[in-house]
């Protein structure tokens, strides 16, 4: 009866039914995505069908046997073609969850990735080792993009004040919008190259800088190579250009017992630690992500006089 009523409604509005139920369309898309070798085909199909129809997960389940109209089928087909062209689902729907925060993204920003949450974890652990989270802190996120790392930290540190810098004004507009949507008023955004327009001191510097060697960008997965902004990927000939700049800035911007936490790529822990050490910072063993890959490197401005090395067990 529910399906018949849906057919009647679409006929009255001039759109012919597609004769496919919502559930049948979702299953067909999952099979198509799997055949194309896409990751998480079931999840992608569910998200895209829901996005096309304006339905959340619960509403999709409730409407599983509803017959789609031709217009609805066409709306789904447009999104399917985008996904088959390797456009990430997050870019298609325009949002991505990070640290349980719903963040808007666009073509000026990276898609926040789960492994980047390791930077947030390492930064919070570094703060915990130096005092209470409730204390007033100044935090800066260099190359903030969508604001993911900074806004995640501010969601945990209620008395902290954050600054996000980015060279791309369009990325900063996204970050500002995310801050407003999340009700974060203790944050400001500055258009500049890394720390060029910033004045310290800061208790914490965080960054997910571009760290792909220029010659390696062509080898990246199409979801990254074709859709992530190159400005946020290209780390120069050896992938380390931005770490050199961050290390130089950190030495000047940090408080005496401050820390810098950066995301690193595979195989970069040792060279990045060397760069920070040469700038007078004290690096600690990197923190691995959930796959066991060293992902976040922590460095302190000064070595601790007593007790374990800063961040040694992070």
Protein backbone atom coordinates (compact mmCIF):
# COMPACT_ATOMS: atom_id res chain seq x y z
CA UNK A 1 0.00 0.00 0.00
CA UNK A 2 2.82 2.43 0.88
CA UNK A 3 4.60 1.73 -2.42
CA UNK A 4 1.32 2.13 -4.38
CA UNK A 5 0.69 5.48 -2.70
CA UNK A 6 4.21 6.64 -3.62
CA UNK A 7 3.63 5.65 -7.26
CA UNK A 8 0.34 7.54 -7.32
CA UNK A 9 1.97 10.67 -5.88
CA UNK A 10 4.77 10.67 -8.47
CA UNK A 11 2.26 10.09 -11.30
CA UNK A 12 0.15 13.06 -10.16
CA UNK A 13 3.26 15.29 -10.23
CA UNK A 14 4.19 14.23 -13.75
CA UNK A 15 7.18 12.03 -12.90
CA UNK A 16 6.94 8.41 -13.93
CA UNK A 17 7.93 5.79 -11.37
CA UNK A 18 11.22 4.01 -11.97
CA UNK A 19 9.75 0.64 -10.91
CA UNK A 20 12.73 0.20 -8.55
CA UNK A 21 12.34 0.27 -4.82
CA UNK A 22 14.71 2.31 -2.77
CA UNK A 23 16.30 -0.80 -1.30
CA UNK A 24 16.74 -2.37 -4.74
CA UNK A 25 18.44 0.80 -6.00
CA UNK A 26 20.78 0.86 -3.01
CA UNK A 27 21.77 -2.79 -3.46
CA UNK A 28 22.34 -2.30 -7.20
CA UNK A 29 24.61 0.66 -6.52
CA UNK A 30 26.60 -1.28 -3.94
CA UNK A 31 27.19 -4.03 -6.48
CA UNK A 32 28.23 -1.48 -9.11
CA UNK A 33 30.67 0.20 -6.71
CA UNK A 34 32.12 -3.18 -5.69
CA UNK A 35 32.60 -4.16 -9.33
CA UNK A 36 34.44 -0.88 -9.90
CA UNK A 37 36.83 -1.72 -7.06
CA UNK A 38 35.73 1.14 -4.81
CA UNK A 39 36.29 0.90 -1.08
CA UNK A 40 33.25 0.51 1.22
CA UNK A 41 30.69 0.03 -1.59
CA UNK A 42 27.79 -0.69 0.79
CA UNK A 43 28.41 2.41 2.87
CA UNK A 44 28.95 4.61 -0.18
CA UNK A 45 25.69 3.40 -1.73
CA UNK A 46 23.72 4.06 1.45
CA UNK A 47 25.15 7.55 1.94
CA UNK A 48 24.65 8.62 -1.67
CA UNK A 49 21.09 7.31 -1.95
CA UNK A 50 20.25 9.03 1.32
CA UNK A 51 21.87 12.28 0.19
CA UNK A 52 20.06 12.24 -3.16
CA UNK A 53 16.70 11.71 -1.47
CA UNK A 54 17.30 13.83 1.64
CA UNK A 55 16.90 10.84 3.98
CA UNK A 56 18.97 9.84 6.98
CA UNK A 57 19.82 6.22 7.81
CA UNK A 58 16.63 5.60 9.82
CA UNK A 59 14.45 7.13 7.11
CA UNK A 60 16.16 5.00 4.46
CA UNK A 61 15.30 1.85 6.37
CA UNK A 62 11.72 2.97 6.86
CA UNK A 63 11.30 3.74 3.14
CA UNK A 64 13.13 0.65 1.85
CA UNK A 65 10.15 -0.65 -0.16
CA UNK A 66 9.08 2.71 -1.56
CA UNK A 67 9.16 2.87 -5.36
CA UNK A 68 11.43 5.60 -6.69
CA UNK A 69 10.24 8.16 -9.18
CA UNK A 70 12.16 8.71 -12.40
CA UNK A 71 13.35 12.06 -11.03
CA UNK A 72 14.66 10.38 -7.90
CA UNK A 73 16.42 7.74 -9.97
CA UNK A 74 18.02 10.49 -12.05
CA UNK A 75 19.18 12.37 -8.96
CA UNK A 76 20.82 9.21 -7.65
CA UNK A 77 22.42 8.49 -11.04
CA UNK A 78 24.17 11.89 -11.06
CA UNK A 79 25.84 11.15 -7.74
CA UNK A 80 26.74 7.62 -8.81
CA UNK A 81 28.60 8.90 -11.86
CA UNK A 82 30.57 11.27 -9.67
CA UNK A 83 31.56 8.44 -7.35
CA UNK A 84 32.49 6.16 -10.25
CA UNK A 85 34.82 8.96 -11.37
CA UNK A 86 36.53 8.51 -7.95
CA UNK A 87 35.21 11.68 -6.38
CA UNK A 88 35.19 10.99 -2.62
CA UNK A 89 31.79 10.59 -1.00
CA UNK A 90 32.63 13.37 1.47
CA UNK A 91 33.17 15.79 -1.41
CA UNK A 92 29.92 14.76 -3.05
CA UNK A 93 27.86 15.36 0.09
CA UNK A 94 29.98 18.34 1.21
CA UNK A 95 30.58 17.24 4.80
CA UNK A 96 32.88 14.93 6.76
CA UNK A 97 32.83 13.78 10.38
CA UNK A 98 36.05 14.33 12.31
CA UNK A 99 36.47 13.86 16.07
CA UNK A 100 32.65 13.47 16.19
CA UNK A 101 32.29 16.95 14.66
CA UNK A 102 30.34 17.45 11.43
CA UNK A 103 32.57 19.61 9.24
CA UNK A 104 31.80 21.30 5.94
CA UNK A 105 34.41 20.88 3.22
CA UNK A 106 34.84 22.07 -0.35
CA UNK A 107 37.41 21.93 -3.15
CA UNK A 108 39.70 24.36 -1.28
CA UNK A 109 40.20 21.96 1.64
CA UNK A 110 41.42 18.47 2.29
CA UNK A 111 38.94 15.82 3.34
CA UNK A 112 39.72 15.30 7.06
CA UNK A 113 40.96 11.72 7.46
CA UNK A 114 40.64 9.39 10.46
CA UNK A 115 44.42 9.07 10.81
CA UNK A 116 44.67 12.83 11.39
CA UNK A 117 42.79 12.32 14.66
CA UNK A 118 46.13 10.92 15.88
CA UNK A 119 47.43 14.51 15.87
CA UNK A 120 44.55 15.58 18.13
CA UNK A 121 45.21 12.65 20.48
CA UNK A 122 48.93 13.43 20.66
CA UNK A 123 48.30 17.13 21.25
CA UNK A 124 45.86 16.43 24.10
CA UNK A 125 48.31 13.96 25.65
CA UNK A 126 51.08 16.57 25.45
CA UNK A 127 48.84 19.13 27.16
CA UNK A 128 47.85 16.66 29.86
CA UNK A 129 51.48 16.03 30.71
CA UNK A 130 52.09 19.73 31.28
CA UNK A 131 49.04 20.63 33.38
CA UNK A 132 45.26 20.70 33.58
CA UNK A 133 43.19 20.96 30.41
CA UNK A 134 41.10 23.65 32.06
CA UNK A 135 43.92 26.19 32.07
CA UNK A 136 44.01 29.04 29.58
CA UNK A 137 45.98 27.99 26.50
CA UNK A 138 46.91 29.59 23.21
CA UNK A 139 46.89 27.22 20.26
CA UNK A 140 47.72 27.82 16.61
CA UNK A 141 46.96 25.53 13.69
CA UNK A 142 49.27 26.25 10.75
CA UNK A 143 47.57 25.55 7.41
CA UNK A 144 44.23 24.95 9.08
CA UNK A 145 42.19 24.07 5.97
CA UNK A 146 38.67 23.15 7.13
CA UNK A 147 39.75 23.84 10.73
CA UNK A 148 39.43 20.15 11.64
CA UNK A 149 42.39 19.80 14.03
CA UNK A 150 41.93 23.18 15.70
CA UNK A 151 38.18 22.85 16.20
CA UNK A 152 38.60 19.32 17.56
CA UNK A 153 41.09 20.59 20.14
CA UNK A 154 38.91 23.53 21.12
CA UNK A 155 35.98 21.16 21.63
CA UNK A 156 38.07 19.49 24.36
CA UNK A 157 39.83 22.57 25.78
CA UNK A 158 37.07 24.92 26.87
CA UNK A 159 39.36 27.70 28.13
CA UNK A 160 41.75 27.65 25.19
CA UNK A 161 41.92 30.25 22.45
CA UNK A 162 42.81 29.14 18.94
CA UNK A 163 44.15 30.75 15.79
CA UNK A 164 44.04 29.05 12.42
CA UNK A 165 46.22 30.26 9.57
CA UNK A 166 45.98 29.38 5.90
CA UNK A 167 47.34 30.86 2.71
CA UNK A 168 44.05 30.16 0.90
CA UNK A 169 41.26 32.62 1.80
CA UNK A 170 38.65 30.17 0.48
CA UNK A 171 39.83 27.50 2.91
CA UNK A 172 39.64 30.04 5.75
CA UNK A 173 36.03 30.82 4.79
CA UNK A 174 35.21 27.12 5.24
CA UNK A 175 37.01 27.03 8.60
CA UNK A 176 35.17 30.13 9.82
CA UNK A 177 31.86 28.63 8.76
CA UNK A 178 32.65 25.42 10.62
CA UNK A 179 33.54 27.36 13.76
CA UNK A 180 30.22 29.22 13.60
CA UNK A 181 28.24 26.05 12.95
CA UNK A 182 29.91 24.39 15.96
CA UNK A 183 29.38 27.40 18.21
CA UNK A 184 33.13 27.98 18.67
CA UNK A 185 33.66 31.65 19.52
CA UNK A 186 37.15 31.30 21.03
CA UNK A 187 38.87 31.14 17.65
CA UNK A 188 40.20 33.51 14.99
CA UNK A 189 41.51 32.91 11.48
CA UNK A 190 44.39 34.65 9.71
CA UNK A 191 45.27 34.62 6.02
CA UNK A 192 49.02 34.10 5.77
CA UNK A 193 51.69 31.60 4.78
CA UNK A 194 52.03 29.36 7.86
CA UNK A 195 53.12 31.71 10.68
CA UNK A 196 54.15 34.75 8.63
CA UNK A 197 51.57 37.09 10.22
CA UNK A 198 51.47 35.51 13.70
CA UNK A 199 52.94 36.62 17.00
CA UNK A 200 53.47 34.31 19.95
CA UNK A 201 53.81 33.00 22.43
CA UNK A 202 51.71 29.86 21.90
CA UNK A 203 51.46 26.90 24.23
CA UNK A 204 50.78 24.53 21.35
CA UNK A 205 51.40 24.53 17.61
CA UNK A 206 49.65 21.91 15.48
CA UNK A 207 49.79 21.27 11.75
CA UNK A 208 48.94 18.78 9.05
CA UNK A 209 51.24 20.28 6.43
CA UNK A 210 51.65 19.25 2.79
CA UNK A 211 54.10 16.33 2.98
CA UNK A 212 53.92 14.51 -0.35
CA UNK A 213 57.07 14.75 -2.47
CA UNK A 214 56.23 16.59 -5.67
CA UNK A 215 57.20 13.65 -7.89
CA UNK A 216 54.96 11.26 -5.89
CA UNK A 217 51.71 13.15 -6.37
CA UNK A 218 51.07 11.45 -9.73
CA UNK A 219 51.13 8.06 -7.97
CA UNK A 220 48.45 8.89 -5.38
CA UNK A 221 44.99 7.32 -5.41
CA UNK A 222 42.64 9.15 -7.79
CA UNK A 223 40.42 10.24 -4.87
CA UNK A 224 43.41 12.24 -3.63
CA UNK A 225 45.27 13.08 -6.83
CA UNK A 226 42.22 14.35 -8.72
CA UNK A 227 40.24 16.03 -5.96
CA UNK A 228 42.45 17.21 -3.08
CA UNK A 229 43.94 20.68 -3.63
CA UNK A 230 47.57 20.34 -4.73
CA UNK A 231 48.42 23.28 -2.48
CA UNK A 232 47.57 21.04 0.49
CA UNK A 233 49.55 18.04 -0.81
CA UNK A 234 52.83 19.21 -2.34
CA UNK A 235 55.64 19.25 0.22
CA UNK A 236 58.42 20.02 -2.27
CA UNK A 237 61.10 17.82 -3.78
CA UNK A 238 61.56 15.69 -0.64
CA UNK A 239 58.19 16.35 0.99
CA UNK A 240 59.85 18.14 3.91
CA UNK A 241 59.71 21.83 2.96
CA UNK A 242 56.91 22.72 5.35
CA UNK A 243 58.48 20.92 8.30
CA UNK A 244 61.58 23.09 7.90
CA UNK A 245 59.42 26.22 7.91
CA UNK A 246 57.34 25.04 10.89
CA UNK A 247 60.45 24.14 12.91
CA UNK A 248 61.94 27.58 12.32
CA UNK A 249 58.68 29.30 13.30
CA UNK A 250 58.09 27.06 16.33
CA UNK A 251 61.38 27.97 17.94
CA UNK A 252 60.25 31.62 17.97
CA UNK A 253 56.53 31.21 18.65
CA UNK A 254 56.40 28.62 21.46
CA UNK A 255 56.30 29.33 25.17
CA UNK A 256 59.34 27.97 27.05
CA UNK A 257 57.54 24.69 27.79
CA UNK A 258 55.39 24.64 24.67
CA UNK A 259 55.08 21.86 22.12
CA UNK A 260 54.57 21.40 18.41
CA UNK A 261 52.62 18.43 17.04
CA UNK A 262 52.62 17.67 13.32
CA UNK A 263 51.21 14.96 11.12
CA UNK A 264 53.86 13.02 9.18
CA UNK A 265 53.76 10.62 6.27
CA UNK A 266 55.13 7.10 6.11
CA UNK A 267 58.90 7.06 6.53
CA UNK A 268 59.13 10.69 7.60
CA UNK A 269 59.51 10.29 11.39
CA UNK A 270 63.31 10.30 11.42
CA UNK A 271 63.93 13.14 8.94
CA UNK A 272 61.28 15.35 10.54
CA UNK A 273 62.70 14.68 14.02
CA UNK A 274 66.13 15.66 12.69
CA UNK A 275 64.72 18.91 11.31
CA UNK A 276 63.11 19.82 14.63
CA UNK A 277 66.22 18.90 16.61
CA UNK A 278 68.35 21.13 14.37
CA UNK A 279 65.98 24.01 15.23
CA UNK A 280 66.60 23.52 18.94
CA UNK A 281 63.44 21.51 19.65
CA UNK A 282 63.35 18.15 21.44
CA UNK A 283 61.47 15.50 19.45
CA UNK A 284 59.82 12.48 21.06
CA UNK A 285 58.99 9.07 19.59
CA UNK A 286 56.15 9.45 17.09
CA UNK A 287 52.61 8.39 17.94
CA UNK A 288 51.22 5.69 15.59
CA UNK A 289 47.77 5.76 14.03
CA UNK A 290 45.32 2.86 14.22
CA UNK A 291 47.19 1.07 11.43
CA UNK A 292 50.47 1.25 13.34
CA UNK A 293 51.97 3.87 11.01
CA UNK A 294 53.94 6.65 12.80
CA UNK A 295 51.56 9.56 12.25
CA UNK A 296 52.09 12.36 14.80
CA UNK A 297 55.45 13.75 15.83
CA UNK A 298 55.75 15.79 19.02
CA UNK A 299 58.61 18.15 19.83
CA UNK A 300 59.16 20.39 22.87
CA UNK A 301 60.93 23.71 22.94
CA UNK A 302 63.16 22.66 25.84
CA UNK A 303 64.17 19.36 27.39
CA UNK A 304 62.62 18.59 30.76
CA UNK A 305 65.10 19.04 33.65
CA UNK A 306 63.66 16.16 35.64
CA UNK A 307 61.58 13.10 34.96
CA UNK A 308 60.88 11.48 31.60
CA UNK A 309 61.49 13.26 28.34
CA UNK A 310 58.55 15.38 27.25
CA UNK A 311 56.03 13.18 25.42
CA UNK A 312 58.23 10.08 25.69
CA UNK A 313 55.27 7.80 26.20
CA UNK A 314 52.80 9.50 23.87
